[in-house]
C-alpha atoms as a PDB file:
ATOM      1  CA  MET A   1      64.025  84.663 120.397  1.00  0.00           C
ATOM      2  CA  LEU A   2      63.425  81.019 119.572  1.00  0.00           C
ATOM      3  CA  GLU A   3      66.737  79.190 119.290  1.00  0.00           C
ATOM      4  CA  THR A   4      66.780  77.599 115.829  1.00  0.00           C
ATOM      5  CA  LYS A   5      69.809  76.457 113.891  1.00  0.00           C
ATOM      6  CA  ILE A   6      70.499  78.021 110.512  1.00  0.00           C
ATOM      7  CA  HIS A   7      71.252  75.874 107.490  1.00  0.00           C
ATOM      8  CA  PRO A   8      74.908  76.329 106.330  1.00  0.00           C
ATOM      9  CA  ILE A   9      73.789  77.784 102.994  1.00  0.00           C
ATOM     10  CA  ALA A  10      71.383  80.266 104.598  1.00  0.00           C
ATOM     11  CA  ALA A  11      74.190  81.231 106.997  1.00  0.00           C
ATOM     12  CA  LEU A  12      76.285  82.410 104.028  1.00  0.00           C
ATOM     13  CA  PHE A  13      74.002  85.416 103.608  1.00  0.00           C
ATOM     14  CA  PRO A  14      74.638  88.497 105.753  1.00  0.00           C
ATOM     15  CA  PRO A  15      71.950  89.379 108.326  1.00  0.00           C
ATOM     16  CA  LEU A  16      70.008  92.609 108.018  1.00  0.00           C
ATOM     17  CA  SER A  17      71.434  95.714 109.624  1.00  0.00           C
ATOM     18  CA  ASP A  18      69.828  96.923 112.851  1.00  0.00           C
ATOM     19  CA  GLU A  19      67.970  99.635 110.968  1.00  0.00           C
ATOM     20  CA  GLU A  20      66.692  97.212 108.317  1.00  0.00           C
ATOM     21  CA  LEU A  21      65.665  94.711 110.988  1.00  0.00           C
ATOM     22  CA  GLU A  22      63.702  97.396 112.863  1.00  0.00           C
ATOM     23  CA  GLU A  23      61.886  98.349 109.647  1.00  0.00           C
ATOM     24  CA  LEU A  24      61.000  94.692 109.011  1.00  0.00           C
ATOM     25  CA  ALA A  25      59.834  94.289 112.615  1.00  0.00           C
ATOM     26  CA  ALA A  26      57.596  97.356 112.304  1.00  0.00           C
ATOM     27  CA  ASP A  27      56.056  95.982 109.114  1.00  0.00           C
ATOM     28  CA  ILE A  28      55.384  92.589 110.729  1.00  0.00           C
ATOM     29  CA  LYS A  29      53.813  94.283 113.758  1.00  0.00           C
ATOM     30  CA  GLU A  30      51.524  96.257 111.479  1.00  0.00           C
ATOM     31  CA  ARG A  31      50.613  93.624 108.880  1.00  0.00           C
ATOM     32  CA  GLY A  32      51.631  90.369 110.525  1.00  0.00           C
ATOM     33  CA  LEU A  33      54.088  87.743 109.262  1.00  0.00           C
ATOM     34  CA  LEU A  34      53.279  87.425 105.566  1.00  0.00           C
ATOM     35  CA  TYR A  35      55.814  84.695 104.798  1.00  0.00           C
ATOM     36  CA  PRO A  36      56.434  81.837 107.246  1.00  0.00           C
ATOM     37  CA  ILE A  37      59.935  80.716 108.230  1.00  0.00           C
ATOM     38  CA  VAL A  38      61.001  77.718 106.159  1.00  0.00           C
ATOM     39  CA  LEU A  39      62.802  74.838 107.895  1.00  0.00           C
ATOM     40  CA  ASP A  40      64.440  71.729 106.517  1.00  0.00           C
ATOM     41  CA  GLY A  41      63.725  68.216 107.770  1.00  0.00           C
ATOM     42  CA  GLU A  42      66.171  68.690 110.641  1.00  0.00           C
ATOM     43  CA  GLY A  43      64.636  71.951 111.819  1.00  0.00           C
ATOM     44  CA  GLN A  44      67.305  74.210 110.378  1.00  0.00           C
ATOM     45  CA  ILE A  45      66.243  77.561 108.920  1.00  0.00           C
ATOM     46  CA  LEU A  46      66.427  77.614 105.119  1.00  0.00           C
ATOM     47  CA  ASP A  47      64.733  80.974 104.729  1.00  0.00           C
ATOM     48  CA  GLY A  48      63.465  83.582 107.172  1.00  0.00           C
ATOM     49  CA  ARG A  49      66.032  84.023 109.929  1.00  0.00           C
ATOM     50  CA  ASN A  50      65.619  87.801 109.695  1.00  0.00           C
ATOM     51  CA  ARG A  51      61.829  87.437 109.848  1.00  0.00           C
ATOM     52  CA  LEU A  52      62.239  85.245 112.937  1.00  0.00           C
ATOM     53  CA  ALA A  53      64.435  87.894 114.584  1.00  0.00           C
ATOM     54  CA  ALA A  54      61.948  90.615 113.674  1.00  0.00           C
ATOM     55  CA  CYS A  55      59.062  88.620 115.184  1.00  0.00           C
ATOM     56  CA  SER A  56      61.019  88.327 118.416  1.00  0.00           C
ATOM     57  CA  LEU A  57      61.548  92.111 118.516  1.00  0.00           C
ATOM     58  CA  VAL A  58      57.836  92.933 118.353  1.00  0.00           C
ATOM     59  CA  GLY A  59      56.434  89.904 120.154  1.00  0.00           C
ATOM     60  CA  VAL A  60      54.728  88.311 117.151  1.00  0.00           C
ATOM     61  CA  ALA A  61      54.458  84.521 117.191  1.00  0.00           C
ATOM     62  CA  PRO A  62      56.387  83.129 114.191  1.00  0.00           C
ATOM     63  CA  GLN A  63      54.924  80.615 111.810  1.00  0.00           C
ATOM     64  CA  PHE A  64      56.972  77.711 110.421  1.00  0.00           C
ATOM     65  CA  ILE A  65      56.669  75.382 107.467  1.00  0.00           C
ATOM     66  CA  THR A  66      58.925  72.494 106.464  1.00  0.00           C
ATOM     67  CA  TYR A  67      60.540  72.260 103.049  1.00  0.00           C
ATOM     68  CA  GLU A  68      59.596  68.926 101.524  1.00  0.00           C
ATOM     69  CA  GLY A  69      61.827  68.900  98.457  1.00  0.00           C
ATOM     70  CA  GLU A  70      65.055  66.977  97.908  1.00  0.00           C
ATOM     71  CA  ASP A  71      67.365  69.976  97.606  1.00  0.00           C
ATOM     72  CA  PRO A  72      67.248  72.063 100.806  1.00  0.00           C
ATOM     73  CA  GLY A  73      70.616  73.678 100.154  1.00  0.00           C
ATOM     74  CA  GLY A  74      69.680  74.649  96.628  1.00  0.00           C
ATOM     75  CA  TYR A  75      66.364  76.030  97.847  1.00  0.00           C
ATOM     76  CA  ALA A  76      68.063  78.155 100.518  1.00  0.00           C
ATOM     77  CA  LEU A  77      70.516  79.509  98.001  1.00  0.00           C
ATOM     78  CA  ALA A  78      67.879  80.285  95.404  1.00  0.00           C
ATOM     79  CA  VAL A  79      65.340  82.096  97.612  1.00  0.00           C
ATOM     80  CA  ASN A  80      67.934  84.140  99.489  1.00  0.00           C
ATOM     81  CA  LEU A  81      70.016  85.010  96.428  1.00  0.00           C
ATOM     82  CA  THR A  82      67.117  86.355  94.400  1.00  0.00           C
ATOM     83  CA  ARG A  83      65.212  88.039  97.220  1.00  0.00           C
ATOM     84  CA  ARG A  84      67.942  89.864  99.104  1.00  0.00           C
ATOM     85  CA  HIS A  85      69.252  93.277  98.015  1.00  0.00           C
ATOM     86  CA  LEU A  86      72.830  92.220  97.414  1.00  0.00           C
ATOM     87  CA  THR A  87      75.433  93.580  95.016  1.00  0.00           C
ATOM     88  CA  LYS A  88      76.694  91.365  92.205  1.00  0.00           C
ATOM     89  CA  GLY A  89      79.972  91.075  94.076  1.00  0.00           C
ATOM     90  CA  GLN A  90      78.232  89.836  97.216  1.00  0.00           C
ATOM     91  CA  GLN A  91      76.177  87.369  95.201  1.00  0.00           C
ATOM     92  CA  ALA A  92      79.279  86.086  93.385  1.00  0.00           C
ATOM     93  CA  MET A  93      81.105  85.525  96.672  1.00  0.00           C
ATOM     94  CA  ILE A  94      78.149  83.685  98.187  1.00  0.00           C
ATOM     95  CA  LEU A  95      77.887  81.459  95.108  1.00  0.00           C
ATOM     96  CA  ALA A  96      81.621  80.755  95.280  1.00  0.00           C
ATOM     97  CA  LYS A  97      81.444  79.959  99.003  1.00  0.00           C
ATOM     98  CA  ALA A  98      78.437  77.694  98.470  1.00  0.00           C
ATOM     99  CA  VAL A  99      80.685  75.301  96.558  1.00  0.00           C
ATOM    100  CA  SER A 100      82.630  74.572  99.760  1.00  0.00           C
ATOM    101  CA  VAL A 101      79.500  73.619 101.703  1.00  0.00           C
ATOM    102  CA  SER A 102      79.355  69.850 101.269  1.00  0.00           C
ATOM    103  CA  ASP A 103      75.634  69.399 101.796  1.00  0.00           C
ATOM    104  CA  THR A 104      74.333  72.045  99.391  1.00  0.00           C
ATOM    105  CA  GLY A 105      72.684  69.431  97.197  1.00  0.00           C
ATOM    106  CA  LEU A 106      73.192  71.885  94.351  1.00  0.00           C
ATOM    107  CA  SER A 107      74.947  70.766  91.186  1.00  0.00           C
ATOM    108  CA  ARG A 108      77.403  72.905  89.234  1.00  0.00           C
ATOM    109  CA  ASN A 109      74.762  73.394  86.546  1.00  0.00           C
ATOM    110  CA  GLY A 110      72.304  74.429  89.218  1.00  0.00           C
ATOM    111  CA  ARG A 111      74.699  77.068  90.558  1.00  0.00           C
ATOM    112  CA  SER A 112      75.338  78.267  87.028  1.00  0.00           C
ATOM    113  CA  SER A 113      71.591  78.611  86.433  1.00  0.00           C
ATOM    114  CA  LEU A 114      71.183  80.596  89.639  1.00  0.00           C
ATOM    115  CA  ALA A 115      74.079  82.856  88.661  1.00  0.00           C
ATOM    116  CA  LYS A 116      72.483  83.569  85.285  1.00  0.00           C
ATOM    117  CA  ALA A 117      69.089  84.178  86.868  1.00  0.00           C
ATOM    118  CA  SER A 118      70.689  86.674  89.257  1.00  0.00           C
ATOM    119  CA  GLY A 119      72.732  88.321  86.532  1.00  0.00           C
ATOM    120  CA  VAL A 120      76.039  87.285  88.086  1.00  0.00           C
ATOM    121  CA  SER A 121      78.750  86.703  85.471  1.00  0.00           C
ATOM    122  CA  GLU A 122      81.046  83.693  85.445  1.00  0.00           C
ATOM    123  CA  THR A 123      83.960  86.139  85.568  1.00  0.00           C
ATOM    124  CA  ARG A 124      82.779  87.555  88.893  1.00  0.00           C
ATOM    125  CA  ILE A 125      82.354  84.082  90.334  1.00  0.00           C
ATOM    126  CA  ALA A 126      85.849  83.147  89.102  1.00  0.00           C
ATOM    127  CA  ASN A 127      87.223  86.298  90.752  1.00  0.00           C
ATOM    128  CA  ALA A 128      85.457  85.346  93.973  1.00  0.00           C
ATOM    129  CA  ARG A 129      87.123  81.935  93.852  1.00  0.00           C
ATOM    130  CA  VAL A 130      90.531  83.620  93.546  1.00  0.00           C
ATOM    131  CA  VAL A 131      89.711  85.635  96.679  1.00  0.00           C
ATOM    132  CA  LEU A 132      88.752  82.455  98.532  1.00  0.00           C
ATOM    133  CA  GLN A 133      91.998  80.767  97.468  1.00  0.00           C
ATOM    134  CA  HIS A 134      94.461  83.587  98.101  1.00  0.00           C
ATOM    135  CA  ALA A 135      92.720  86.115 100.386  1.00  0.00           C
ATOM    136  CA  ALA A 136      90.127  84.094 102.287  1.00  0.00           C
ATOM    137  CA  ASP A 137      90.281  86.540 105.185  1.00  0.00           C
ATOM    138  CA  LEU A 138      88.589  89.141 102.951  1.00  0.00           C
ATOM    139  CA  ALA A 139      85.690  86.945 101.798  1.00  0.00           C
ATOM    140  CA  ASP A 140      83.373  87.683 104.737  1.00  0.00           C
ATOM    141  CA  ASN A 141      83.914  91.417 104.291  1.00  0.00           C
ATOM    142  CA  VAL A 142      82.839  91.081 100.669  1.00  0.00           C
ATOM    143  CA  VAL A 143      79.709  89.161 101.681  1.00  0.00           C
ATOM    144  CA  ALA A 144      78.919  91.770 104.341  1.00  0.00           C
ATOM    145  CA  GLY A 145      79.286  94.583 101.802  1.00  0.00           C
ATOM    146  CA  ILE A 146      82.195  96.140 103.717  1.00  0.00           C
ATOM    147  CA  LEU A 147      84.635  95.505 100.872  1.00  0.00           C
ATOM    148  CA  SER A 148      83.957  95.337  97.148  1.00  0.00           C
ATOM    149  CA  LEU A 149      84.734  92.150  95.259  1.00  0.00           C
ATOM    150  CA  ASP A 150      86.947  94.084  92.847  1.00  0.00           C
ATOM    151  CA  THR A 151      89.126  95.424  95.670  1.00  0.00           C
ATOM    152  CA  ALA A 152      89.389  92.014  97.317  1.00  0.00           C
ATOM    153  CA  TYR A 153      90.236  90.434  93.959  1.00  0.00           C
ATOM    154  CA  GLN A 154      93.112  92.860  93.343  1.00  0.00           C
ATOM    155  CA  THR A 155      94.528  92.035  96.779  1.00  0.00           C
ATOM    156  CA  ALA A 156      94.126  88.317  96.101  1.00  0.00           C
ATOM    157  CA  ARG A 157      95.896  88.620  92.741  1.00  0.00           C
ATOM    158  CA  GLN A 158      98.827  90.395  94.367  1.00  0.00           C
ATOM    159  CA  ARG A 159      99.056  87.766  97.105  1.00  0.00           C
ATOM    160  CA  LYS A 160      98.941  85.039  94.468  1.00  0.00           C
ATOM    161  CA  ALA A 161     101.751  86.723  92.518  1.00  0.00           C
ATOM    162  CA  ASP A 162     103.774  87.135  95.721  1.00  0.00           C
ATOM    163  CA  ALA A 163     103.268  83.472  96.584  1.00  0.00           C
ATOM    164  CA  GLU A 164     104.361  82.377  93.106  1.00  0.00           C
ATOM    165  CA  ASP A 165     107.415  84.639  93.297  1.00  0.00           C
ATOM    166  CA  LEU A 166     108.248  83.222  96.718  1.00  0.00           C
ATOM    167  CA  ALA A 167     107.975  79.682  95.344  1.00  0.00           C
ATOM    168  CA  LYS A 168     110.323  80.563  92.474  1.00  0.00           C
ATOM    169  CA  GLN A 169     112.840  82.123  94.840  1.00  0.00           C
ATOM    170  CA  LEU A 170     112.764  79.096  97.123  1.00  0.00           C
ATOM    171  CA  GLU A 171     113.158  76.784  94.124  1.00  0.00           C
ATOM    172  CA  GLY A 172     116.148  78.822  92.952  1.00  0.00           C
ATOM    173  CA  LEU A 173     117.719  78.574  96.388  1.00  0.00           C
ATOM    174  CA  LYS A 174     117.075  74.839  96.485  1.00  0.00           C
ATOM    175  CA  ARG A 175     118.673  74.393  93.070  1.00  0.00           C
ATOM    176  CA  HIS A 176     121.809  76.451  93.745  1.00  0.00           C
ATOM    177  CA  TYR A 177     122.140  76.654  97.537  1.00  0.00           C
ATOM    178  CA  ALA A 178     120.106  73.838  99.066  1.00  0.00           C
ATOM    179  CA  ASP A 179     121.446  74.509 102.555  1.00  0.00           C
ATOM    180  CA  LEU A 180     120.029  78.043 102.513  1.00  0.00           C
ATOM    181  CA  GLU A 181     116.635  76.818 101.310  1.00  0.00           C
ATOM    182  CA  GLU A 182     116.567  74.239 104.122  1.00  0.00           C
ATOM    183  CA  ARG A 183     117.346  76.931 106.695  1.00  0.00           C
ATOM    184  CA  VAL A 184     114.519  79.111 105.372  1.00  0.00           C
ATOM    185  CA  GLN A 185     112.076  76.199 105.555  1.00  0.00           C
ATOM    186  CA  ALA A 186     113.240  75.493 109.101  1.00  0.00           C
ATOM    187  CA  GLU A 187     112.682  79.210 109.910  1.00  0.00           C
ATOM    188  CA  GLU A 188     116.291  79.578 111.033  1.00  0.00           C
ATOM    189  CA  ILE A 189     116.730  82.558 108.677  1.00  0.00           C
ATOM    190  CA  THR A 190     114.361  84.705 106.633  1.00  0.00           C
ATOM    191  CA  LEU A 191     114.093  84.491 102.863  1.00  0.00           C
ATOM    192  CA  ALA A 192     115.629  87.962 102.586  1.00  0.00           C
ATOM    193  CA  GLU A 193     118.641  86.855 104.634  1.00  0.00           C
ATOM    194  CA  ALA A 194     119.023  83.711 102.522  1.00  0.00           C
ATOM    195  CA  LEU A 195     118.863  85.698  99.270  1.00  0.00           C
ATOM    196  CA  ALA A 196     121.456  88.164 100.574  1.00  0.00           C
ATOM    197  CA  GLU A 197     123.774  85.283 101.489  1.00  0.00           C
ATOM    198  CA  ALA A 198     123.192  83.737  98.052  1.00  0.00           C
ATOM    199  CA  VAL A 199     124.251  86.996  96.376  1.00  0.00           C
ATOM    200  CA  LEU A 200     127.447  87.104  98.451  1.00  0.00           C
ATOM    201  CA  ARG A 201     128.241  83.494  97.563  1.00  0.00           C
ATOM    202  CA  GLN A 202     127.590  84.118  93.887  1.00  0.00           C
ATOM    203  CA  ARG A 203     129.873  87.144  93.868  1.00  0.00           C
ATOM    204  CA  LYS A 204     132.593  85.142  95.585  1.00  0.00           C
ATOM    205  CA  GLU A 205     132.219  82.316  93.075  1.00  0.00           C
ATOM    206  CA  GLU A 206     132.384  84.758  90.178  1.00  0.00           C
ATOM    207  CA  GLU A 207     135.503  86.388  91.620  1.00  0.00           C
ATOM    208  CA  GLU A 208     137.179  82.996  92.073  1.00  0.00           C
ATOM    209  CA  LYS A 209     136.264  82.081  88.519  1.00  0.00           C
ATOM    210  CA  ARG A 210     137.722  85.340  87.236  1.00  0.00           C
ATOM    211  CA  LEU A 211     140.972  84.743  89.136  1.00  0.00           C
ATOM    212  CA  TRP A 212     141.253  81.256  87.677  1.00  0.00           C
ATOM    213  CA  GLN A 213     140.675  82.599  84.181  1.00  0.00           C
ATOM    214  CA  ASP A 214     143.372  85.215  84.685  1.00  0.00           C
ATOM    215  CA  ARG A 215     145.833  82.598  85.914  1.00  0.00           C
ATOM    216  CA  VAL A 216     145.135  80.375  82.920  1.00  0.00           C
ATOM    217  CA  ARG A 217     145.562  83.278  80.470  1.00  0.00           C
ATOM    218  CA  GLN A 218     148.810  84.356  82.105  1.00  0.00           C
ATOM    219  CA  ASN A 219     150.327  80.900  81.848  1.00  0.00           C
ATOM    220  CA  SER A 220     148.795  79.528  78.659  1.00  0.00           C
ATOM    221  CA  ARG A 221     151.514  80.854  76.319  1.00  0.00           C
ATOM    222  CA  SER A 222     154.414  79.580  78.366  1.00  0.00           C
ATOM    223  CA  PHE A 223     152.768  76.207  78.886  1.00  0.00           C
ATOM    224  CA  GLY A 224     151.933  75.987  75.185  1.00  0.00           C
ATOM    225  CA  GLN A 225     155.568  76.478  74.244  1.00  0.00           C
ATOM    226  CA  TYR A 226     156.602  74.026  76.914  1.00  0.00           C
ATOM    227  CA  ILE A 227     154.396  71.348  75.346  1.00  0.00           C
ATOM    228  CA  TYR A 228     155.501  72.245  71.799  1.00  0.00           C
ATOM    229  CA  TYR A 229     159.218  71.982  72.465  1.00  0.00           C
ATOM    230  CA  GLY A 230     158.788  68.923  74.648  1.00  0.00           C
ATOM    231  CA  LYS A 231     156.942  67.003  71.908  1.00  0.00           C
ATOM    232  CA  ALA A 232     158.373  68.416  68.695  1.00  0.00           C
ATOM    233  CA  LEU A 233     161.998  68.448  69.735  1.00  0.00           C
ATOM    234  CA  PRO A 234     162.606  65.510  72.042  1.00  0.00           C
ATOM    235  CA  GLY A 235     165.961  65.581  73.713  1.00  0.00           C
ATOM    236  CA  VAL A 236     166.346  69.346  73.273  1.00  0.00           C
ATOM    237  CA  ASP A 237     166.950  71.495  76.316  1.00  0.00           C
ATOM    238  CA  ILE A 238     163.616  73.311  76.419  1.00  0.00           C
ATOM    239  CA  LEU A 239     164.825  76.325  78.359  1.00  0.00           C
ATOM    240  CA  SER A 240     167.729  76.830  75.991  1.00  0.00           C
ATOM    241  CA  VAL A 241     165.411  77.308  72.990  1.00  0.00           C
ATOM    242  CA  PHE A 242     162.624  79.353  74.622  1.00  0.00           C
ATOM    243  CA  ASP A 243     162.132  82.704  72.944  1.00  0.00           C
ATOM    244  CA  ASN A 244     160.516  85.082  75.397  1.00  0.00           C
ATOM    245  CA  SER A 245     160.226  87.783  72.768  1.00  0.00           C
ATOM    246  CA  VAL A 246     157.350  86.005  71.014  1.00  0.00           C
ATOM    247  CA  LEU A 247     155.209  86.110  74.119  1.00  0.00           C
ATOM    248  CA  GLY A 248     154.602  89.860  74.042  1.00  0.00           C
ATOM    249  CA  PRO A 249     154.910  92.581  76.688  1.00  0.00           C
ATOM    250  CA  GLY A 250     154.296  91.531  80.270  1.00  0.00           C
ATOM    251  CA  TYR A 251     154.895  87.797  79.666  1.00  0.00           C
ATOM    252  CA  ARG A 252     158.109  85.956  80.409  1.00  0.00           C
ATOM    253  CA  VAL A 253     158.761  82.244  80.548  1.00  0.00           C
ATOM    254  CA  THR A 254     160.631  81.060  83.608  1.00  0.00           C
ATOM    255  CA  LYS A 255     160.898  77.803  85.453  1.00  0.00           C
ATOM    256  CA  GLU A 256     158.507  79.261  87.982  1.00  0.00           C
ATOM    257  CA  SER A 257     155.908  80.255  85.367  1.00  0.00           C
ATOM    258  CA  ILE A 258     156.040  76.791  83.799  1.00  0.00           C
ATOM    259  CA  ARG A 259     155.705  75.117  87.180  1.00  0.00           C
ATOM    260  CA  GLU A 260     152.798  77.379  88.088  1.00  0.00           C
ATOM    261  CA  ALA A 261     151.093  76.721  84.748  1.00  0.00           C
ATOM    262  CA  GLY A 262     151.314  73.003  85.337  1.00  0.00           C
ATOM    263  CA  GLU A 263     149.896  73.316  88.843  1.00  0.00           C
ATOM    264  CA  ASN A 264     147.055  75.462  87.572  1.00  0.00           C
ATOM    265  CA  LEU A 265     146.064  72.974  84.897  1.00  0.00           C
ATOM    266  CA  LEU A 266     146.255  70.069  87.335  1.00  0.00           C
ATOM    267  CA  ALA A 267     143.985  71.946  89.722  1.00  0.00           C
ATOM    268  CA  ILE A 268     141.531  72.625  86.903  1.00  0.00           C
ATOM    269  CA  ALA A 269     141.637  68.962  85.872  1.00  0.00           C
ATOM    270  CA  GLU A 270     140.643  67.896  89.382  1.00  0.00           C
ATOM    271  CA  GLN A 271     137.511  70.077  89.238  1.00  0.00           C
ATOM    272  CA  TRP A 272     136.699  69.485  85.572  1.00  0.00           C
ATOM    273  CA  GLU A 273     133.485  67.664  84.714  1.00  0.00           C
ATOM    274  CA  ASP A 274     133.489  65.299  81.745  1.00  0.00           C
ATOM    275  CA  GLY A 275     131.491  66.579  78.812  1.00  0.00           C
ATOM    276  CA  LYS A 276     132.411  70.251  79.220  1.00  0.00           C
END
């Protein structure tokens, strides 16, 4: 077969199956090549690569013509999109992929017109774009007809959701436990391991907070009386006027409890942030 390069847009379309190619070859052998192979100014095939392959199978000399317009990419897209027996999903994926080919020469309005002419909805094209963004490995299977666009789109949506959830989890780690987020980014630990460590740290912090709250509650009454007698009755022996009975069951003011209350409040003061 004659070695001829295929234009990037024409290459987006899947080749005929072996059976389809044999049928085309038989028709060309019987009736000849009815439509010549169309090349661009650089000799790349815009339309007819399957006809060229079929000619090679049956020994028929191919005929070539050169496209003389200013939009070779748009021409290749138009003739192949409307002529080929493709599903709407395949057409949508090809239209979406055509956007990434820099030399299509086809404007957005032009692609939109082709989509309408082919009966491809904007929703399908948008779904195809989601597949290209989040499940690009499935795009060629959609074009080949191996996988439906709807199935690929559902996979892409799930991957997108997973990626967004991963980003949120990493952001949460960065906000609360930056060292764990850095270790995940450096691939020293997995995200699951980092999240498990974060849970353990959070539980420990909550337990420490609970212990501090208990210590403050246990000493608040005795320390309150200590302050009251110290300020309201200067010169009075504080311990001599303490009335433990007003504190209730389980509480008793002692020198030790007052000392501990003071230490607790000093420790809290060292960790306290202004504005709380």
